[in-house]
C-alpha cells in the first residue's frame, strides 16, 4: 500500500494510526475505518458488529440485502469471519481530498449508525 492517501486525510475529526483512520462523529461517538490501496482504487472498510451479534440475528442477511439495495456509496456485507462490515471502493483517478474525506466520513457514519441500531453501543 502506498501512503499517498495519507496526504488527503488531514482534518480535525480524523486521527491516523497505521492504515486506519479514526473518525470522531458530531455526537461524540467514534468509528474506525481501515484504508487499503488495491490496483486503481482505495478500499475503505469499517467494522459494524462482531460474529456473535451476526449469529444472534438470523434475519440480518436479508436486512443487509434490503439496505444495500437503497445505497450506492457504502455496501454492507458479512465477511469470512462472520462479522458485519461496511465497505466503500473509491477509484483513485482524479480523486480529490474533499471526495476522499467525504467517503471516510460517510462510511464511518453509516457503519456507526447500523452498529447503534443493532447493539445500542459504540464499539470503536
PDB file of N, CA and C in Angstrom:
ATOM      1  N   UNK A   1       0.850  -1.187   0.000  1.00  0.00           N
ATOM      2  CA  UNK A   1       0.000   0.000   0.000  1.00  0.00           C
ATOM      3  C   UNK A   1       0.888   1.240   0.000  1.00  0.00           C
ATOM      4  N   UNK A   2       0.547   2.177  -0.848  1.00  0.00           N
ATOM      5  CA  UNK A   2       1.284   3.425  -0.842  1.00  0.00           C
ATOM      6  C   UNK A   2       0.674   4.361   0.184  1.00  0.00           C
ATOM      7  N   UNK A   3       1.429   5.366   0.567  1.00  0.00           N
ATOM      8  CA  UNK A   3       0.970   6.293   1.593  1.00  0.00           C
ATOM      9  C   UNK A   3       0.356   7.558   1.027  1.00  0.00           C
ATOM     10  N   UNK A   4       0.110   7.650  -0.293  1.00  0.00           N
ATOM     11  CA  UNK A   4      -0.371   8.903  -0.853  1.00  0.00           C
ATOM     12  C   UNK A   4      -1.759   9.290  -0.322  1.00  0.00           C
ATOM     13  N   UNK A   5      -2.560   8.343   0.133  1.00  0.00           N
ATOM     14  CA  UNK A   5      -3.862   8.694   0.704  1.00  0.00           C
ATOM     15  C   UNK A   5      -3.697   9.462   2.015  1.00  0.00           C
ATOM     16  N   UNK A   6      -2.559   9.268   2.669  1.00  0.00           N
ATOM     17  CA  UNK A   6      -2.303   9.965   3.927  1.00  0.00           C
ATOM     18  C   UNK A   6      -2.289  11.489   3.752  1.00  0.00           C
ATOM     19  N   UNK A   7      -1.872  11.937   2.578  1.00  0.00           N
ATOM     20  CA  UNK A   7      -1.829  13.364   2.297  1.00  0.00           C
ATOM     21  C   UNK A   7      -3.231  13.986   2.225  1.00  0.00           C
ATOM     22  N   UNK A   8      -4.249  13.135   1.982  1.00  0.00           N
ATOM     23  CA  UNK A   8      -5.614  13.639   1.841  1.00  0.00           C
ATOM     24  C   UNK A   8      -6.413  13.553   3.136  1.00  0.00           C
ATOM     25  N   UNK A   9      -5.858  12.965   4.180  1.00  0.00           N
ATOM     26  CA  UNK A   9      -6.614  12.711   5.408  1.00  0.00           C
ATOM     27  C   UNK A   9      -6.769  13.942   6.279  1.00  0.00           C
ATOM     28  N   UNK A  10      -5.764  14.777   6.370  1.00  0.00           N
ATOM     29  CA  UNK A  10      -5.705  15.881   7.334  1.00  0.00           C
ATOM     30  C   UNK A  10      -6.985  16.630   7.597  1.00  0.00           C
ATOM     31  N   UNK A  11      -7.657  16.306   8.677  1.00  0.00           N
ATOM     32  CA  UNK A  11      -8.851  17.021   9.128  1.00  0.00           C
ATOM     33  C   UNK A  11      -8.933  16.863  10.634  1.00  0.00           C
ATOM     34  N   UNK A  12      -9.549  17.816  11.295  1.00  0.00           N
ATOM     35  CA  UNK A  12      -9.618  17.798  12.759  1.00  0.00           C
ATOM     36  C   UNK A  12     -10.349  16.587  13.320  1.00  0.00           C
ATOM     37  N   UNK A  13     -11.331  16.071  12.588  1.00  0.00           N
ATOM     38  CA  UNK A  13     -12.109  14.947  13.097  1.00  0.00           C
ATOM     39  C   UNK A  13     -11.497  13.587  12.751  1.00  0.00           C
ATOM     40  N   UNK A  14     -10.303  13.587  12.152  1.00  0.00           N
ATOM     41  CA  UNK A  14      -9.610  12.350  11.789  1.00  0.00           C
ATOM     42  C   UNK A  14      -8.353  12.166  12.626  1.00  0.00           C
ATOM     43  N   UNK A  15      -8.055  10.919  12.959  1.00  0.00           N
ATOM     44  CA  UNK A  15      -6.771  10.581  13.569  1.00  0.00           C
ATOM     45  C   UNK A  15      -6.270   9.317  12.875  1.00  0.00           C
ATOM     46  N   UNK A  16      -5.028   9.328  12.456  1.00  0.00           N
ATOM     47  CA  UNK A  16      -4.464   8.217  11.699  1.00  0.00           C
ATOM     48  C   UNK A  16      -3.579   7.369  12.593  1.00  0.00           C
ATOM     49  N   UNK A  17      -3.765   6.072  12.487  1.00  0.00           N
ATOM     50  CA  UNK A  17      -2.914   5.112  13.188  1.00  0.00           C
ATOM     51  C   UNK A  17      -2.673   3.955  12.231  1.00  0.00           C
ATOM     52  N   UNK A  18      -1.456   3.902  11.682  1.00  0.00           N
ATOM     53  CA  UNK A  18      -1.151   2.874  10.687  1.00  0.00           C
ATOM     54  C   UNK A  18      -1.989   3.078   9.448  1.00  0.00           C
ATOM     55  N   UNK A  19      -2.742   2.047   9.078  1.00  0.00           N
ATOM     56  CA  UNK A  19      -3.599   2.145   7.891  1.00  0.00           C
ATOM     57  C   UNK A  19      -5.058   2.413   8.269  1.00  0.00           C
ATOM     58  N   UNK A  20      -5.284   2.859   9.494  1.00  0.00           N
ATOM     59  CA  UNK A  20      -6.648   3.150   9.959  1.00  0.00           C
ATOM     60  C   UNK A  20      -6.847   4.638  10.204  1.00  0.00           C
ATOM     61  N   UNK A  21      -8.060   5.080   9.944  1.00  0.00           N
ATOM     62  CA  UNK A  21      -8.442   6.457  10.221  1.00  0.00           C
ATOM     63  C   UNK A  21      -9.559   6.415  11.259  1.00  0.00           C
ATOM     64  N   UNK A  22      -9.309   7.029  12.409  1.00  0.00           N
ATOM     65  CA  UNK A  22     -10.341   7.166  13.427  1.00  0.00           C
ATOM     66  C   UNK A  22     -11.135   8.420  13.122  1.00  0.00           C
ATOM     67  N   UNK A  23     -12.450   8.303  13.123  1.00  0.00           N
ATOM     68  CA  UNK A  23     -13.317   9.425  12.809  1.00  0.00           C
ATOM     69  C   UNK A  23     -14.138   9.764  14.052  1.00  0.00           C
ATOM     70  N   UNK A  24     -14.044  11.013  14.501  1.00  0.00           N
ATOM     71  CA  UNK A  24     -14.861  11.481  15.605  1.00  0.00           C
ATOM     72  C   UNK A  24     -16.127  12.078  15.009  1.00  0.00           C
ATOM     73  N   UNK A  25     -17.256  11.517  15.373  1.00  0.00           N
ATOM     74  CA  UNK A  25     -18.535  11.958  14.831  1.00  0.00           C
ATOM     75  C   UNK A  25     -19.093  13.108  15.661  1.00  0.00           C
ATOM     76  N   UNK A  26     -20.068  13.818  15.127  1.00  0.00           N
ATOM     77  CA  UNK A  26     -20.594  15.025  15.774  1.00  0.00           C
ATOM     78  C   UNK A  26     -21.182  14.773  17.154  1.00  0.00           C
ATOM     79  N   UNK A  27     -21.733  13.594  17.388  1.00  0.00           N
ATOM     80  CA  UNK A  27     -22.360  13.318  18.681  1.00  0.00           C
ATOM     81  C   UNK A  27     -21.379  12.752  19.708  1.00  0.00           C
ATOM     82  N   UNK A  28     -20.084  12.781  19.379  1.00  0.00           N
ATOM     83  CA  UNK A  28     -19.059  12.282  20.298  1.00  0.00           C
ATOM     84  C   UNK A  28     -18.723  10.822  20.101  1.00  0.00           C
ATOM     85  N   UNK A  29     -19.513  10.113  19.318  1.00  0.00           N
ATOM     86  CA  UNK A  29     -19.196   8.717  19.025  1.00  0.00           C
ATOM     87  C   UNK A  29     -17.991   8.686  18.090  1.00  0.00           C
ATOM     88  N   UNK A  30     -17.363   7.533  17.994  1.00  0.00           N
ATOM     89  CA  UNK A  30     -16.192   7.374  17.135  1.00  0.00           C
ATOM     90  C   UNK A  30     -16.327   6.101  16.322  1.00  0.00           C
ATOM     91  N   UNK A  31     -15.671   6.104  15.176  1.00  0.00           N
ATOM     92  CA  UNK A  31     -15.636   4.892  14.359  1.00  0.00           C
ATOM     93  C   UNK A  31     -14.319   4.846  13.597  1.00  0.00           C
ATOM     94  N   UNK A  32     -13.825   3.647  13.414  1.00  0.00           N
ATOM     95  CA  UNK A  32     -12.533   3.431  12.767  1.00  0.00           C
ATOM     96  C   UNK A  32     -12.744   2.892  11.347  1.00  0.00           C
ATOM     97  N   UNK A  33     -11.973   3.417  10.396  1.00  0.00           N
ATOM     98  CA  UNK A  33     -12.058   2.997   9.002  1.00  0.00           C
ATOM     99  C   UNK A  33     -10.674   2.544   8.555  1.00  0.00           C
ATOM    100  N   UNK A  34     -10.592   1.329   8.054  1.00  0.00           N
ATOM    101  CA  UNK A  34      -9.345   0.766   7.531  1.00  0.00           C
ATOM    102  C   UNK A  34      -9.229   1.155   6.057  1.00  0.00           C
ATOM    103  N   UNK A  35      -8.048   1.639   5.647  1.00  0.00           N
ATOM    104  CA  UNK A  35      -7.823   2.078   4.266  1.00  0.00           C
ATOM    105  C   UNK A  35      -6.765   1.188   3.629  1.00  0.00           C
ATOM    106  N   UNK A  36      -7.066   0.670   2.442  1.00  0.00           N
ATOM    107  CA  UNK A  36      -6.057  -0.090   1.701  1.00  0.00           C
ATOM    108  C   UNK A  36      -6.127   0.295   0.228  1.00  0.00           C
ATOM    109  N   UNK A  37      -4.985   0.228  -0.427  1.00  0.00           N
ATOM    110  CA  UNK A  37      -4.927   0.545  -1.855  1.00  0.00           C
ATOM    111  C   UNK A  37      -4.855  -0.757  -2.631  1.00  0.00           C
ATOM    112  N   UNK A  38      -5.752  -0.907  -3.587  1.00  0.00           N
ATOM    113  CA  UNK A  38      -5.782  -2.089  -4.442  1.00  0.00           C
ATOM    114  C   UNK A  38      -5.892  -1.630  -5.884  1.00  0.00           C
ATOM    115  N   UNK A  39      -4.885  -1.933  -6.662  1.00  0.00           N
ATOM    116  CA  UNK A  39      -4.841  -1.525  -8.074  1.00  0.00           C
ATOM    117  C   UNK A  39      -5.110  -0.025  -8.191  1.00  0.00           C
ATOM    118  N   UNK A  40      -6.211   0.355  -8.814  1.00  0.00           N
ATOM    119  CA  UNK A  40      -6.523   1.770  -9.050  1.00  0.00           C
ATOM    120  C   UNK A  40      -7.654   2.281  -8.178  1.00  0.00           C
ATOM    121  N   UNK A  41      -7.760   1.724  -6.970  1.00  0.00           N
ATOM    122  CA  UNK A  41      -8.815   2.164  -6.076  1.00  0.00           C
ATOM    123  C   UNK A  41      -8.365   2.092  -4.629  1.00  0.00           C
ATOM    124  N   UNK A  42      -9.042   2.866  -3.801  1.00  0.00           N
ATOM    125  CA  UNK A  42      -8.873   2.779  -2.355  1.00  0.00           C
ATOM    126  C   UNK A  42     -10.074   2.020  -1.819  1.00  0.00           C
ATOM    127  N   UNK A  43      -9.813   1.089  -0.927  1.00  0.00           N
ATOM    128  CA  UNK A  43     -10.877   0.300  -0.322  1.00  0.00           C
ATOM    129  C   UNK A  43     -10.975   0.712   1.144  1.00  0.00           C
ATOM    130  N   UNK A  44     -12.146   1.167   1.539  1.00  0.00           N
ATOM    131  CA  UNK A  44     -12.405   1.569   2.914  1.00  0.00           C
ATOM    132  C   UNK A  44     -13.285   0.508   3.559  1.00  0.00           C
ATOM    133  N   UNK A  45     -12.878   0.037   4.726  1.00  0.00           N
ATOM    134  CA  UNK A  45     -13.660  -0.975   5.443  1.00  0.00           C
ATOM    135  C   UNK A  45     -13.844  -0.523   6.882  1.00  0.00           C
ATOM    136  N   UNK A  46     -15.079  -0.600   7.341  1.00  0.00           N
ATOM    137  CA  UNK A  46     -15.420  -0.253   8.720  1.00  0.00           C
ATOM    138  C   UNK A  46     -16.158  -1.430   9.352  1.00  0.00           C
ATOM    139  N   UNK A  47     -15.698  -1.843  10.512  1.00  0.00           N
ATOM    140  CA  UNK A  47     -16.316  -2.914  11.269  1.00  0.00           C
ATOM    141  C   UNK A  47     -17.649  -2.415  11.832  1.00  0.00           C
ATOM    142  N   UNK A  48     -18.696  -3.244  11.748  1.00  0.00           N
ATOM    143  CA  UNK A  48     -20.005  -2.865  12.284  1.00  0.00           C
ATOM    144  C   UNK A  48     -20.308  -3.664  13.549  1.00  0.00           C
ATOM    145  N   UNK A  49     -20.427  -4.989  13.419  1.00  0.00           N
ATOM    146  CA  UNK A  49     -20.670  -5.823  14.603  1.00  0.00           C
ATOM    147  C   UNK A  49     -19.925  -7.147  14.473  1.00  0.00           C
ATOM    148  N   UNK A  50     -19.649  -7.739  15.625  1.00  0.00           N
ATOM    149  CA  UNK A  50     -18.898  -8.987  15.669  1.00  0.00           C
ATOM    150  C   UNK A  50     -19.778 -10.194  15.356  1.00  0.00           C
ATOM    151  N   UNK A  51     -19.122 -11.320  15.215  1.00  0.00           N
ATOM    152  CA  UNK A  51     -19.750 -12.569  14.814  1.00  0.00           C
ATOM    153  C   UNK A  51     -20.889 -12.980  15.741  1.00  0.00           C
ATOM    154  N   UNK A  52     -20.740 -12.775  17.030  1.00  0.00           N
ATOM    155  CA  UNK A  52     -21.787 -13.201  17.962  1.00  0.00           C
ATOM    156  C   UNK A  52     -23.093 -12.434  17.738  1.00  0.00           C
ATOM    157  N   UNK A  53     -23.003 -11.189  17.347  1.00  0.00           N
ATOM    158  CA  UNK A  53     -24.209 -10.398  17.052  1.00  0.00           C
ATOM    159  C   UNK A  53     -24.826 -10.883  15.743  1.00  0.00           C
ATOM    160  N   UNK A  54     -23.989 -11.138  14.743  1.00  0.00           N
ATOM    161  CA  UNK A  54     -24.478 -11.643  13.456  1.00  0.00           C
ATOM    162  C   UNK A  54     -25.198 -12.973  13.661  1.00  0.00           C
ATOM    163  N   UNK A  55     -24.618 -13.858  14.445  1.00  0.00           N
ATOM    164  CA  UNK A  55     -25.218 -15.171  14.698  1.00  0.00           C
ATOM    165  C   UNK A  55     -26.530 -15.073  15.460  1.00  0.00           C
ATOM    166  N   UNK A  56     -26.663 -14.064  16.293  1.00  0.00           N
ATOM    167  CA  UNK A  56     -27.852 -13.866  17.119  1.00  0.00           C
ATOM    168  C   UNK A  56     -29.028 -13.325  16.304  1.00  0.00           C
ATOM    169  N   UNK A  57     -28.753 -12.759  15.133  1.00  0.00           N
ATOM    170  CA  UNK A  57     -29.789 -12.126  14.305  1.00  0.00           C
ATOM    171  C   UNK A  57     -29.954 -12.873  12.984  1.00  0.00           C
ATOM    172  N   UNK A  58     -30.757 -13.935  12.946  1.00  0.00           N
ATOM    173  CA  UNK A  58     -30.875 -14.752  11.732  1.00  0.00           C
ATOM    174  C   UNK A  58     -31.427 -14.005  10.518  1.00  0.00           C
ATOM    175  N   UNK A  59     -32.172 -12.926  10.741  1.00  0.00           N
ATOM    176  CA  UNK A  59     -32.736 -12.152   9.630  1.00  0.00           C
ATOM    177  C   UNK A  59     -31.766 -11.095   9.100  1.00  0.00           C
ATOM    178  N   UNK A  60     -30.597 -10.975   9.713  1.00  0.00           N
ATOM    179  CA  UNK A  60     -29.658  -9.916   9.333  1.00  0.00           C
ATOM    180  C   UNK A  60     -29.239  -9.957   7.865  1.00  0.00           C
ATOM    181  N   UNK A  61     -28.904 -11.113   7.294  1.00  0.00           N
ATOM    182  CA  UNK A  61     -28.516 -11.100   5.867  1.00  0.00           C
ATOM    183  C   UNK A  61     -29.586 -10.502   4.956  1.00  0.00           C
ATOM    184  N   UNK A  62     -30.844 -10.805   5.210  1.00  0.00           N
ATOM    185  CA  UNK A  62     -31.925 -10.235   4.401  1.00  0.00           C
ATOM    186  C   UNK A  62     -32.038  -8.730   4.629  1.00  0.00           C
ATOM    187  N   UNK A  63     -31.912  -8.293   5.871  1.00  0.00           N
ATOM    188  CA  UNK A  63     -31.974  -6.867   6.177  1.00  0.00           C
ATOM    189  C   UNK A  63     -30.819  -6.110   5.522  1.00  0.00           C
ATOM    190  N   UNK A  64     -29.641  -6.707   5.521  1.00  0.00           N
ATOM    191  CA  UNK A  64     -28.471  -6.092   4.871  1.00  0.00           C
ATOM    192  C   UNK A  64     -28.687  -6.003   3.360  1.00  0.00           C
ATOM    193  N   UNK A  65     -29.238  -7.049   2.785  1.00  0.00           N
ATOM    194  CA  UNK A  65     -29.530  -7.047   1.343  1.00  0.00           C
ATOM    195  C   UNK A  65     -30.490  -5.907   1.012  1.00  0.00           C
ATOM    196  N   UNK A  66     -31.537  -5.744   1.824  1.00  0.00           N
ATOM    197  CA  UNK A  66     -32.501  -4.658   1.602  1.00  0.00           C
ATOM    198  C   UNK A  66     -31.820  -3.297   1.732  1.00  0.00           C
ATOM    199  N   UNK A  67     -30.982  -3.146   2.735  1.00  0.00           N
ATOM    200  CA  UNK A  67     -30.273  -1.878   2.951  1.00  0.00           C
ATOM    201  C   UNK A  67     -29.356  -1.571   1.764  1.00  0.00           C
ATOM    202  N   UNK A  68     -28.655  -2.584   1.263  1.00  0.00           N
ATOM    203  CA  UNK A  68     -27.739  -2.383   0.135  1.00  0.00           C
ATOM    204  C   UNK A  68     -28.467  -1.978  -1.139  1.00  0.00           C
ATOM    205  N   UNK A  69     -29.715  -2.372  -1.284  1.00  0.00           N
ATOM    206  CA  UNK A  69     -30.493  -2.000  -2.468  1.00  0.00           C
ATOM    207  C   UNK A  69     -30.744  -0.502  -2.534  1.00  0.00           C
ATOM    208  N   UNK A  70     -30.733   0.168  -1.388  1.00  0.00           N
ATOM    209  CA  UNK A  70     -31.066   1.589  -1.367  1.00  0.00           C
ATOM    210  C   UNK A  70     -29.851   2.498  -1.176  1.00  0.00           C
ATOM    211  N   UNK A  71     -28.648   1.936  -1.173  1.00  0.00           N
ATOM    212  CA  UNK A  71     -27.445   2.763  -1.022  1.00  0.00           C
ATOM    213  C   UNK A  71     -26.547   2.585  -2.233  1.00  0.00           C
ATOM    214  N   UNK A  72     -25.718   3.583  -2.492  1.00  0.00           N
ATOM    215  CA  UNK A  72     -24.819   3.471  -3.634  1.00  0.00           C
ATOM    216  C   UNK A  72     -23.349   3.644  -3.268  1.00  0.00           C
ATOM    217  N   UNK A  73     -23.049   4.246  -2.149  1.00  0.00           N
ATOM    218  CA  UNK A  73     -21.657   4.510  -1.790  1.00  0.00           C
ATOM    219  C   UNK A  73     -21.098   3.476  -0.814  1.00  0.00           C
ATOM    220  N   UNK A  74     -21.905   3.063   0.143  1.00  0.00           N
ATOM    221  CA  UNK A  74     -21.469   2.116   1.165  1.00  0.00           C
ATOM    222  C   UNK A  74     -22.243   0.818   0.999  1.00  0.00           C
ATOM    223  N   UNK A  75     -21.510  -0.287   1.036  1.00  0.00           N
ATOM    224  CA  UNK A  75     -22.123  -1.609   0.953  1.00  0.00           C
ATOM    225  C   UNK A  75     -21.849  -2.341   2.257  1.00  0.00           C
ATOM    226  N   UNK A  76     -22.844  -3.033   2.764  1.00  0.00           N
ATOM    227  CA  UNK A  76     -22.672  -3.842   3.961  1.00  0.00           C
ATOM    228  C   UNK A  76     -22.603  -5.300   3.547  1.00  0.00           C
ATOM    229  N   UNK A  77     -21.760  -6.053   4.247  1.00  0.00           N
ATOM    230  CA  UNK A  77     -21.660  -7.481   3.962  1.00  0.00           C
ATOM    231  C   UNK A  77     -21.115  -8.215   5.180  1.00  0.00           C
ATOM    232  N   UNK A  78     -21.321  -9.523   5.172  1.00  0.00           N
ATOM    233  CA  UNK A  78     -20.780 -10.374   6.215  1.00  0.00           C
ATOM    234  C   UNK A  78     -19.489 -10.959   5.661  1.00  0.00           C
ATOM    235  N   UNK A  79     -18.381 -10.746   6.385  1.00  0.00           N
ATOM    236  CA  UNK A  79     -17.073 -11.180   5.883  1.00  0.00           C
ATOM    237  C   UNK A  79     -16.800 -12.653   6.206  1.00  0.00           C
ATOM    238  N   UNK A  80     -15.612 -13.117   5.865  1.00  0.00           N
ATOM    239  CA  UNK A  80     -15.228 -14.518   6.067  1.00  0.00           C
ATOM    240  C   UNK A  80     -15.201 -14.918   7.532  1.00  0.00           C
ATOM    241  N   UNK A  81     -15.041 -13.940   8.422  1.00  0.00           N
ATOM    242  CA  UNK A  81     -15.028 -14.208   9.863  1.00  0.00           C
ATOM    243  C   UNK A  81     -16.433 -14.091  10.466  1.00  0.00           C
ATOM    244  N   UNK A  82     -17.439 -13.958   9.601  1.00  0.00           N
ATOM    245  CA  UNK A  82     -18.843 -13.851  10.002  1.00  0.00           C
ATOM    246  C   UNK A  82     -19.136 -12.570  10.788  1.00  0.00           C
ATOM    247  N   UNK A  83     -18.377 -11.498  10.482  1.00  0.00           N
ATOM    248  CA  UNK A  83     -18.613 -10.182  11.072  1.00  0.00           C
ATOM    249  C   UNK A  83     -19.328  -9.325  10.041  1.00  0.00           C
ATOM    250  N   UNK A  84     -20.110  -8.387  10.512  1.00  0.00           N
ATOM    251  CA  UNK A  84     -20.750  -7.444   9.600  1.00  0.00           C
ATOM    252  C   UNK A  84     -19.814  -6.255   9.411  1.00  0.00           C
ATOM    253  N   UNK A  85     -19.515  -5.950   8.156  1.00  0.00           N
ATOM    254  CA  UNK A  85     -18.639  -4.825   7.843  1.00  0.00           C
ATOM    255  C   UNK A  85     -19.302  -3.925   6.805  1.00  0.00           C
ATOM    256  N   UNK A  86     -18.807  -2.695   6.738  1.00  0.00           N
ATOM    257  CA  UNK A  86     -19.207  -1.744   5.705  1.00  0.00           C
ATOM    258  C   UNK A  86     -18.006  -1.563   4.788  1.00  0.00           C
ATOM    259  N   UNK A  87     -18.264  -1.408   3.499  1.00  0.00           N
ATOM    260  CA  UNK A  87     -17.173  -1.270   2.535  1.00  0.00           C
ATOM    261  C   UNK A  87     -17.506  -0.181   1.527  1.00  0.00           C
ATOM    262  N   UNK A  88     -16.470   0.567   1.157  1.00  0.00           N
ATOM    263  CA  UNK A  88     -16.599   1.617   0.148  1.00  0.00           C
ATOM    264  C   UNK A  88     -15.370   1.533  -0.752  1.00  0.00           C
ATOM    265  N   UNK A  89     -15.576   1.490  -2.048  1.00  0.00           N
ATOM    266  CA  UNK A  89     -14.469   1.434  -3.006  1.00  0.00           C
ATOM    267  C   UNK A  89     -14.454   2.734  -3.811  1.00  0.00           C
ATOM    268  N   UNK A  90     -13.274   3.379  -3.822  1.00  0.00           N
ATOM    269  CA  UNK A  90     -13.143   4.679  -4.471  1.00  0.00           C
ATOM    270  C   UNK A  90     -12.062   4.623  -5.551  1.00  0.00           C
ATOM    271  N   UNK A  91     -12.408   4.864  -6.811  1.00  0.00           N
ATOM    272  CA  UNK A  91     -11.368   4.946  -7.843  1.00  0.00           C
ATOM    273  C   UNK A  91     -10.416   6.091  -7.517  1.00  0.00           C
ATOM    274  N   UNK A  92      -9.118   5.869  -7.674  1.00  0.00           N
ATOM    275  CA  UNK A  92      -8.148   6.902  -7.307  1.00  0.00           C
ATOM    276  C   UNK A  92      -7.940   7.945  -8.401  1.00  0.00           C
ATOM    277  N   UNK A  93      -8.271   7.612  -9.645  1.00  0.00           N
ATOM    278  CA  UNK A  93      -8.055   8.559 -10.726  1.00  0.00           C
ATOM    279  C   UNK A  93      -8.906   9.807 -10.514  1.00  0.00           C
ATOM    280  N   UNK A  94      -8.258  10.943 -10.367  1.00  0.00           N
ATOM    281  CA  UNK A  94      -8.939  12.223 -10.197  1.00  0.00           C
ATOM    282  C   UNK A  94      -9.534  12.438  -8.810  1.00  0.00           C
ATOM    283  N   UNK A  95      -9.240  11.559  -7.882  1.00  0.00           N
ATOM    284  CA  UNK A  95      -9.795  11.678  -6.534  1.00  0.00           C
ATOM    285  C   UNK A  95      -9.251  12.927  -5.842  1.00  0.00           C
ATOM    286  N   UNK A  96     -10.145  13.732  -5.316  1.00  0.00           N
ATOM    287  CA  UNK A  96      -9.732  14.940  -4.602  1.00  0.00           C
ATOM    288  C   UNK A  96      -9.732  14.683  -3.100  1.00  0.00           C
ATOM    289  N   UNK A  97      -9.079  15.562  -2.390  1.00  0.00           N
ATOM    290  CA  UNK A  97      -9.033  15.499  -0.928  1.00  0.00           C
ATOM    291  C   UNK A  97     -10.441  15.555  -0.336  1.00  0.00           C
ATOM    292  N   UNK A  98     -11.274  16.427  -0.862  1.00  0.00           N
ATOM    293  CA  UNK A  98     -12.640  16.592  -0.373  1.00  0.00           C
ATOM    294  C   UNK A  98     -13.459  15.331  -0.589  1.00  0.00           C
ATOM    295  N   UNK A  99     -13.327  14.716  -1.763  1.00  0.00           N
ATOM    296  CA  UNK A  99     -14.061  13.480  -2.045  1.00  0.00           C
ATOM    297  C   UNK A  99     -13.615  12.348  -1.109  1.00  0.00           C
ATOM    298  N   UNK A 100     -12.321  12.227  -0.916  1.00  0.00           N
ATOM    299  CA  UNK A 100     -11.797  11.180  -0.038  1.00  0.00           C
ATOM    300  C   UNK A 100     -12.307  11.374   1.394  1.00  0.00           C
ATOM    301  N   UNK A 101     -12.224  12.598   1.904  1.00  0.00           N
ATOM    302  CA  UNK A 101     -12.702  12.865   3.261  1.00  0.00           C
ATOM    303  C   UNK A 101     -14.205  12.626   3.375  1.00  0.00           C
ATOM    304  N   UNK A 102     -14.946  12.980   2.343  1.00  0.00           N
ATOM    305  CA  UNK A 102     -16.388  12.730   2.328  1.00  0.00           C
ATOM    306  C   UNK A 102     -16.670  11.235   2.462  1.00  0.00           C
ATOM    307  N   UNK A 103     -15.961  10.425   1.685  1.00  0.00           N
ATOM    308  CA  UNK A 103     -16.161   8.969   1.720  1.00  0.00           C
ATOM    309  C   UNK A 103     -15.795   8.382   3.084  1.00  0.00           C
ATOM    310  N   UNK A 104     -14.705   8.853   3.664  1.00  0.00           N
ATOM    311  CA  UNK A 104     -14.310   8.381   5.002  1.00  0.00           C
ATOM    312  C   UNK A 104     -15.417   8.703   6.010  1.00  0.00           C
ATOM    313  N   UNK A 105     -15.921   9.919   5.952  1.00  0.00           N
ATOM    314  CA  UNK A 105     -16.968  10.318   6.907  1.00  0.00           C
ATOM    315  C   UNK A 105     -18.256   9.519   6.688  1.00  0.00           C
ATOM    316  N   UNK A 106     -18.650   9.333   5.438  1.00  0.00           N
ATOM    317  CA  UNK A 106     -19.898   8.622   5.136  1.00  0.00           C
ATOM    318  C   UNK A 106     -19.833   7.176   5.602  1.00  0.00           C
ATOM    319  N   UNK A 107     -18.747   6.463   5.322  1.00  0.00           N
ATOM    320  CA  UNK A 107     -18.672   5.067   5.748  1.00  0.00           C
ATOM    321  C   UNK A 107     -18.637   4.975   7.274  1.00  0.00           C
ATOM    322  N   UNK A 108     -17.951   5.906   7.921  1.00  0.00           N
ATOM    323  CA  UNK A 108     -17.912   5.904   9.392  1.00  0.00           C
ATOM    324  C   UNK A 108     -19.303   6.142   9.967  1.00  0.00           C
ATOM    325  N   UNK A 109     -20.027   7.105   9.430  1.00  0.00           N
ATOM    326  CA  UNK A 109     -21.371   7.419   9.918  1.00  0.00           C
ATOM    327  C   UNK A 109     -22.323   6.252   9.673  1.00  0.00           C
ATOM    328  N   UNK A 110     -22.303   5.699   8.474  1.00  0.00           N
ATOM    329  CA  UNK A 110     -23.216   4.604   8.139  1.00  0.00           C
ATOM    330  C   UNK A 110     -22.926   3.358   8.971  1.00  0.00           C
ATOM    331  N   UNK A 111     -21.653   3.018   9.146  1.00  0.00           N
ATOM    332  CA  UNK A 111     -21.286   1.857   9.960  1.00  0.00           C
ATOM    333  C   UNK A 111     -21.663   2.084  11.418  1.00  0.00           C
ATOM    334  N   UNK A 112     -21.411   3.279  11.913  1.00  0.00           N
ATOM    335  CA  UNK A 112     -21.731   3.594  13.298  1.00  0.00           C
ATOM    336  C   UNK A 112     -23.238   3.582  13.529  1.00  0.00           C
ATOM    337  N   UNK A 113     -23.983   4.103  12.594  1.00  0.00           N
ATOM    338  CA  UNK A 113     -25.443   4.154  12.706  1.00  0.00           C
ATOM    339  C   UNK A 113     -26.027   2.736  12.777  1.00  0.00           C
ATOM    340  N   UNK A 114     -25.552   1.841  11.888  1.00  0.00           N
ATOM    341  CA  UNK A 114     -26.047   0.475  11.895  1.00  0.00           C
ATOM    342  C   UNK A 114     -25.587  -0.266  13.150  1.00  0.00           C
ATOM    343  N   UNK A 115     -24.361  -0.016  13.581  1.00  0.00           N
ATOM    344  CA  UNK A 115     -23.865  -0.603  14.826  1.00  0.00           C
ATOM    345  C   UNK A 115     -24.781  -0.214  15.992  1.00  0.00           C
ATOM    346  N   UNK A 116     -25.147   1.045  16.064  1.00  0.00           N
ATOM    347  CA  UNK A 116     -26.017   1.512  17.141  1.00  0.00           C
ATOM    348  C   UNK A 116     -27.398   0.875  17.051  1.00  0.00           C
ATOM    349  N   UNK A 117     -27.948   0.759  15.844  1.00  0.00           N
ATOM    350  CA  UNK A 117     -29.263   0.142  15.670  1.00  0.00           C
ATOM    351  C   UNK A 117     -29.244  -1.323  16.125  1.00  0.00           C
ATOM    352  N   UNK A 118     -28.146  -2.011  15.877  1.00  0.00           N
ATOM    353  CA  UNK A 118     -28.067  -3.439  16.200  1.00  0.00           C
ATOM    354  C   UNK A 118     -27.667  -3.703  17.651  1.00  0.00           C
ATOM    355  N   UNK A 119     -26.868  -2.807  18.252  1.00  0.00           N
ATOM    356  CA  UNK A 119     -26.333  -3.098  19.597  1.00  0.00           C
ATOM    357  C   UNK A 119     -26.661  -2.033  20.634  1.00  0.00           C
ATOM    358  N   UNK A 120     -26.919  -0.801  20.196  1.00  0.00           N
ATOM    359  CA  UNK A 120     -27.141   0.299  21.131  1.00  0.00           C
ATOM    360  C   UNK A 120     -25.853   0.822  21.749  1.00  0.00           C
ATOM    361  N   UNK A 121     -24.709   0.358  21.259  1.00  0.00           N
ATOM    362  CA  UNK A 121     -23.421   0.747  21.851  1.00  0.00           C
ATOM    363  C   UNK A 121     -22.485   1.345  20.798  1.00  0.00           C
ATOM    364  N   UNK A 122     -21.403   1.913  21.300  1.00  0.00           N
ATOM    365  CA  UNK A 122     -20.310   2.437  20.473  1.00  0.00           C
ATOM    366  C   UNK A 122     -19.113   1.547  20.713  1.00  0.00           C
ATOM    367  N   UNK A 123     -18.775   0.711  19.746  1.00  0.00           N
ATOM    368  CA  UNK A 123     -17.694  -0.262  19.925  1.00  0.00           C
ATOM    369  C   UNK A 123     -16.310   0.315  19.695  1.00  0.00           C
ATOM    370  N   UNK A 124     -16.185   1.342  18.910  1.00  0.00           N
ATOM    371  CA  UNK A 124     -14.920   1.925  18.447  1.00  0.00           C
ATOM    372  C   UNK A 124     -13.695   1.321  18.957  1.00  0.00           C
TER     373      UNK A 124
END
